[in-house]
Amino acid sequence: MLSKTFLLALAAAFTAVAQNAAYAQCGGQSWTGSTACVSGYTCKSSSAYYSQCVLSSAVIGSTLKATTTKSPAAASSIAASSSGNAPSGQTFKASFTEYGSGDSFGSGNCNTATTACGFYTSPGYSAAVSQAEFGVGPGAGAGPACGSCWKLTIQTDSNGKKVSNAGNSIVVQVTNLCPASGNPLCAQNGLSGTNQYGANLNFDTCIDSKASAALFGSSGVALGVGTAQEVDCKGNWSGTVVH
């Protein structure tokens, strides 16, 4: 007969393995995995379709309190980086696609106030971003990433071949959600997860905002891979937000 000590140890080991990583999915419709998160994180429901391991309120509170005590400027920096889930200024490997008028899915105009964020840009480049970064699922409205700005730099096509305009960069503002359900490109398991192209994030550039043409240029591709870095909209993004 197995000892009680062994069974307790086995249960503890199973719990540790079953804990989801920071910012990973932990629930939602059709989710069959664990709903537990690593220490310091709690499983928070964004919608009926998606729950995510996010920093617990206790950790956020203690971090802000400690930072404010040491440096008010640093506390402001933390607050400023709270758009979406990505730390401000961090660079991720990213894949780039396009949607909007004339795409193969018949999406229609992507540059309207019907976006998940409830606004569009005119002028100004815009894009939808992967659900893990957007922060909420379909039908849940605006996510915390709405209004954040990203510098996108294309390097290769989907096969890893260097494109003719490798190194070309544009800055887009997030106005929409690229949903995870039924869309492997945007179904990364948290910001440490990757899609089939090894990208932590996917940016679906809005054709109607002219972002797609500006990024892909004469490369001859409509799916590229490169990097994405969150930047301050002020001084980096040029355009007007329309509600």
Protein backbone atom coordinates (compact mmCIF):
# COMPACT_ATOMS: atom_id res chain seq x y z
CA MET A 1 0.00 0.00 0.00
CA LEU A 2 1.29 3.45 -0.89
CA SER A 3 2.21 5.60 2.11
CA LYS A 4 0.32 8.80 2.86
CA THR A 5 3.57 10.76 2.53
CA PHE A 6 4.16 9.41 -0.97
CA LEU A 7 0.63 10.23 -2.07
CA LEU A 8 0.92 13.78 -0.75
CA ALA A 9 4.23 14.24 -2.55
CA LEU A 10 2.72 12.88 -5.75
CA ALA A 11 -0.24 15.25 -5.48
CA ALA A 12 2.08 18.20 -4.89
CA ALA A 13 4.17 17.29 -7.92
CA PHE A 14 1.07 17.01 -10.10
CA THR A 15 -0.15 20.42 -8.95
CA ALA A 16 3.20 22.01 -9.79
CA VAL A 17 3.20 20.51 -13.29
CA ALA A 18 -0.39 21.56 -13.88
CA GLN A 19 0.21 25.22 -13.06
CA ASN A 20 0.00 27.51 -16.09
CA ALA A 21 2.76 30.01 -16.79
CA ALA A 22 2.42 33.77 -16.42
CA TYR A 23 0.00 35.21 -19.00
CA ALA A 24 -0.88 31.74 -20.31
CA GLN A 25 -4.46 30.65 -20.92
CA CYS A 26 -6.08 29.03 -17.89
CA GLY A 27 -9.74 28.73 -18.83
CA GLY A 28 -12.56 29.56 -21.17
CA GLN A 29 -15.11 27.80 -23.32
CA SER A 30 -13.79 24.38 -24.49
CA TRP A 31 -10.67 24.72 -22.31
CA THR A 32 -9.66 21.33 -20.91
CA GLY A 33 -6.38 22.22 -19.25
CA SER A 34 -5.53 23.29 -15.73
CA THR A 35 -7.06 26.42 -14.22
CA ALA A 36 -4.16 26.89 -11.79
CA CYS A 37 -1.46 29.55 -12.24
CA VAL A 38 2.11 29.84 -10.99
CA SER A 39 2.73 31.68 -7.74
CA GLY A 40 1.89 35.38 -7.85
CA TYR A 41 -0.62 34.97 -10.67
CA THR A 42 -4.35 34.35 -10.67
CA CYS A 43 -6.65 32.97 -13.34
CA LYS A 44 -8.82 35.86 -14.53
CA SER A 45 -11.74 35.52 -16.93
CA SER A 46 -11.69 38.01 -19.80
CA SER A 47 -14.79 36.56 -21.46
CA ALA A 48 -16.70 33.32 -21.81
CA TYR A 49 -14.03 32.25 -24.29
CA TYR A 50 -10.79 33.11 -22.54
CA SER A 51 -9.22 33.25 -19.07
CA GLN A 52 -5.59 34.18 -18.49
CA CYS A 53 -3.00 33.98 -15.70
CA VAL A 54 -2.41 37.60 -14.70
CA LEU A 55 -0.58 39.23 -11.82
CA SER A 56 -2.59 38.96 -8.61
CA SER A 57 -3.85 42.24 -7.14
CA ALA A 58 -1.71 41.65 -4.05
CA VAL A 59 1.48 41.44 -6.14
CA ILE A 60 0.57 44.50 -8.20
CA GLY A 61 -0.22 46.47 -5.07
CA SER A 62 3.00 45.55 -3.28
CA THR A 63 5.06 46.25 -6.41
CA LEU A 64 3.55 49.69 -6.91
CA LYS A 65 3.88 50.53 -3.21
CA ALA A 66 7.54 49.53 -3.12
CA THR A 67 8.30 51.38 -6.35
CA THR A 68 6.51 54.53 -5.21
CA THR A 69 8.50 54.49 -1.98
CA LYS A 70 11.79 54.25 -3.83
CA SER A 71 11.00 56.41 -6.83
CA PRO A 72 7.75 58.12 -7.91
CA ALA A 73 9.14 58.29 -11.46
CA ALA A 74 9.58 54.51 -11.53
CA ALA A 75 6.00 54.03 -10.34
CA SER A 76 4.81 56.16 -13.24
CA SER A 77 6.84 53.97 -15.57
CA ILE A 78 5.04 50.85 -14.33
CA ALA A 79 1.66 52.48 -14.81
CA ALA A 80 2.60 53.63 -18.30
CA SER A 81 3.59 50.10 -19.33
CA SER A 82 0.26 48.59 -18.38
CA SER A 83 -1.25 48.68 -21.88
CA GLY A 84 -1.71 45.07 -22.91
CA ASN A 85 0.41 42.36 -21.28
CA ALA A 86 3.80 43.12 -22.80
CA PRO A 87 6.34 45.14 -20.78
CA SER A 88 6.83 48.52 -22.45
CA GLY A 89 9.82 48.62 -24.79
CA GLN A 90 10.28 44.84 -24.98
CA THR A 91 10.91 43.32 -28.40
CA PHE A 92 9.17 40.14 -29.54
CA LYS A 93 9.45 37.91 -32.57
CA ALA A 94 6.32 38.64 -34.59
CA SER A 95 4.45 37.50 -37.65
CA PHE A 96 2.57 39.95 -39.87
CA THR A 97 -0.58 39.44 -41.90
CA GLU A 98 -3.19 41.73 -43.43
CA TYR A 99 -6.97 42.11 -43.31
CA GLY A 100 -9.58 44.51 -44.57
CA SER A 101 -11.10 45.52 -47.90
CA GLY A 102 -10.03 43.20 -50.68
CA ASP A 103 -8.54 40.44 -48.52
CA SER A 104 -9.22 36.77 -49.28
CA PHE A 105 -11.64 36.46 -46.35
CA GLY A 106 -13.99 39.23 -47.44
CA SER A 107 -13.39 41.12 -44.20
CA GLY A 108 -14.63 44.49 -45.38
CA ASN A 109 -13.32 47.86 -44.23
CA CYS A 110 -11.11 47.38 -41.14
CA ASN A 111 -10.77 51.09 -40.50
CA THR A 112 -14.13 51.80 -38.83
CA ALA A 113 -15.44 52.33 -35.31
CA THR A 114 -16.76 48.74 -35.29
CA THR A 115 -13.34 47.50 -34.19
CA ALA A 116 -13.06 45.74 -30.82
CA CYS A 117 -11.43 48.88 -29.42
CA GLY A 118 -14.33 51.06 -30.58
CA PHE A 119 -12.18 53.47 -32.58
CA TYR A 120 -10.08 53.66 -35.74
CA THR A 121 -7.28 55.79 -37.13
CA SER A 122 -7.57 58.31 -39.95
CA PRO A 123 -4.89 58.96 -40.91
CA GLY A 124 -2.44 56.58 -39.24
CA TYR A 125 -1.42 52.93 -39.51
CA SER A 126 -3.38 50.43 -37.41
CA ALA A 127 -3.48 46.70 -36.73
CA ALA A 128 -5.16 43.93 -34.78
CA VAL A 129 -2.97 42.03 -32.30
CA SER A 130 -2.92 38.49 -30.93
CA GLN A 131 -5.45 37.74 -28.19
CA ALA A 132 -2.77 37.02 -25.56
CA GLU A 133 -1.56 40.61 -25.89
CA PHE A 134 -4.94 42.22 -26.63
CA GLY A 135 -6.08 41.07 -23.20
CA VAL A 136 -9.70 39.99 -23.77
CA GLY A 137 -11.49 37.60 -26.07
CA PRO A 138 -14.14 38.04 -28.78
CA GLY A 139 -17.24 39.94 -27.75
CA ALA A 140 -15.63 41.36 -24.61
CA GLY A 141 -15.02 44.81 -26.07
CA ALA A 142 -11.85 46.84 -25.74
CA GLY A 143 -8.79 45.11 -24.31
CA PRO A 144 -5.94 46.70 -22.35
CA ALA A 145 -3.77 46.74 -25.49
CA CYS A 146 -6.12 49.16 -27.28
CA GLY A 147 -4.28 52.32 -28.23
CA SER A 148 -0.81 50.88 -27.70
CA CYS A 149 1.76 51.52 -30.42
CA TRP A 150 4.22 49.04 -31.89
CA LYS A 151 7.19 49.32 -34.21
CA LEU A 152 6.94 46.45 -36.70
CA THR A 153 10.01 45.40 -38.70
CA ILE A 154 9.74 42.79 -41.44
CA GLN A 155 12.69 40.50 -42.20
CA THR A 156 11.59 37.26 -43.89
CA ASP A 157 8.67 35.58 -45.61
CA SER A 158 6.79 32.65 -44.04
CA ASN A 159 9.49 30.23 -45.25
CA GLY A 160 12.31 32.13 -43.59
CA LYS A 161 13.60 33.63 -46.83
CA LYS A 162 14.80 37.23 -46.56
CA VAL A 163 12.33 39.60 -48.24
CA SER A 164 13.40 42.29 -50.68
CA ASN A 165 12.59 45.08 -48.20
CA ALA A 166 14.04 43.36 -45.12
CA GLY A 167 14.47 45.84 -42.28
CA ASN A 168 11.50 47.97 -43.35
CA SER A 169 9.67 49.33 -40.30
CA ILE A 170 6.37 51.06 -39.56
CA VAL A 171 4.61 52.05 -36.33
CA VAL A 172 1.01 50.93 -35.88
CA GLN A 173 -1.59 51.58 -33.24
CA VAL A 174 -3.64 48.63 -31.95
CA THR A 175 -7.33 49.06 -32.77
CA ASN A 176 -8.61 45.50 -32.97
CA LEU A 177 -8.41 41.91 -31.71
CA CYS A 178 -6.91 39.03 -33.64
CA PRO A 179 -8.85 36.18 -31.97
CA ALA A 180 -7.26 32.89 -30.92
CA SER A 181 -10.21 30.62 -31.67
CA GLY A 182 -9.82 28.94 -35.05
CA ASN A 183 -6.80 31.11 -35.86
CA PRO A 184 -3.40 29.46 -35.09
CA LEU A 185 -1.55 32.65 -36.07
CA CYS A 186 -3.06 34.48 -33.08
CA ALA A 187 -3.45 31.55 -30.66
CA GLN A 188 -0.17 31.87 -28.75
CA ASN A 189 -0.30 30.47 -25.21
CA GLY A 190 0.73 33.68 -23.47
CA LEU A 191 3.54 35.96 -24.57
CA SER A 192 6.10 33.19 -24.17
CA GLY A 193 4.14 30.94 -26.52
CA THR A 194 4.63 30.92 -30.28
CA ASN A 195 2.58 30.29 -33.40
CA GLN A 196 3.53 28.09 -36.34
CA TYR A 197 6.11 30.66 -37.45
CA GLY A 198 7.80 30.84 -34.05
CA ALA A 199 6.27 34.27 -33.36
CA ASN A 200 5.16 35.42 -29.90
CA LEU A 201 2.75 37.93 -31.43
CA ASN A 202 0.85 38.32 -34.68
CA PHE A 203 -0.10 41.72 -36.04
CA ASP A 204 -2.90 41.68 -38.58
CA THR A 205 -2.24 44.98 -40.35
CA CYS A 206 -5.26 46.96 -41.51
CA ILE A 207 -5.29 47.31 -45.29
CA ASP A 208 -7.63 50.31 -45.16
CA SER A 209 -5.29 52.26 -42.87
CA LYS A 210 -2.52 51.71 -45.45
CA ALA A 211 -0.45 49.82 -42.86
CA SER A 212 -0.26 46.65 -44.97
CA ALA A 213 1.11 48.41 -48.04
CA ALA A 214 3.58 50.37 -45.94
CA LEU A 215 4.95 47.27 -44.19
CA PHE A 216 4.98 44.71 -47.01
CA GLY A 217 5.85 47.23 -49.70
CA SER A 218 7.32 45.60 -52.81
CA SER A 219 8.21 42.38 -50.99
CA GLY A 220 5.52 40.46 -52.87
CA VAL A 221 4.30 38.71 -49.70
CA ALA A 222 1.27 39.14 -47.45
CA LEU A 223 2.63 37.09 -44.54
CA GLY A 224 5.94 38.09 -43.08
CA VAL A 225 8.06 37.50 -40.00
CA GLY A 226 10.22 39.93 -38.06
CA THR A 227 10.12 41.83 -34.79
CA ALA A 228 7.67 43.98 -32.86
CA GLN A 229 8.63 46.48 -30.17
CA GLU A 230 6.13 48.42 -28.10
CA VAL A 231 6.89 52.14 -28.28
CA ASP A 232 5.44 55.35 -26.92
CA CYS A 233 2.79 56.58 -29.35
CA LYS A 234 3.84 60.17 -28.77
CA GLY A 235 6.69 60.98 -31.08
CA ASN A 236 6.61 57.59 -32.83
CA TRP A 237 3.12 57.11 -34.26
CA SER A 238 1.67 59.66 -36.65
CA GLY A 239 -2.10 59.87 -37.07
CA THR A 240 -5.47 60.72 -35.57
CA VAL A 241 -7.73 58.50 -33.48
CA VAL A 242 -11.40 58.66 -34.48
CA HIS A 243 -14.17 57.47 -32.12
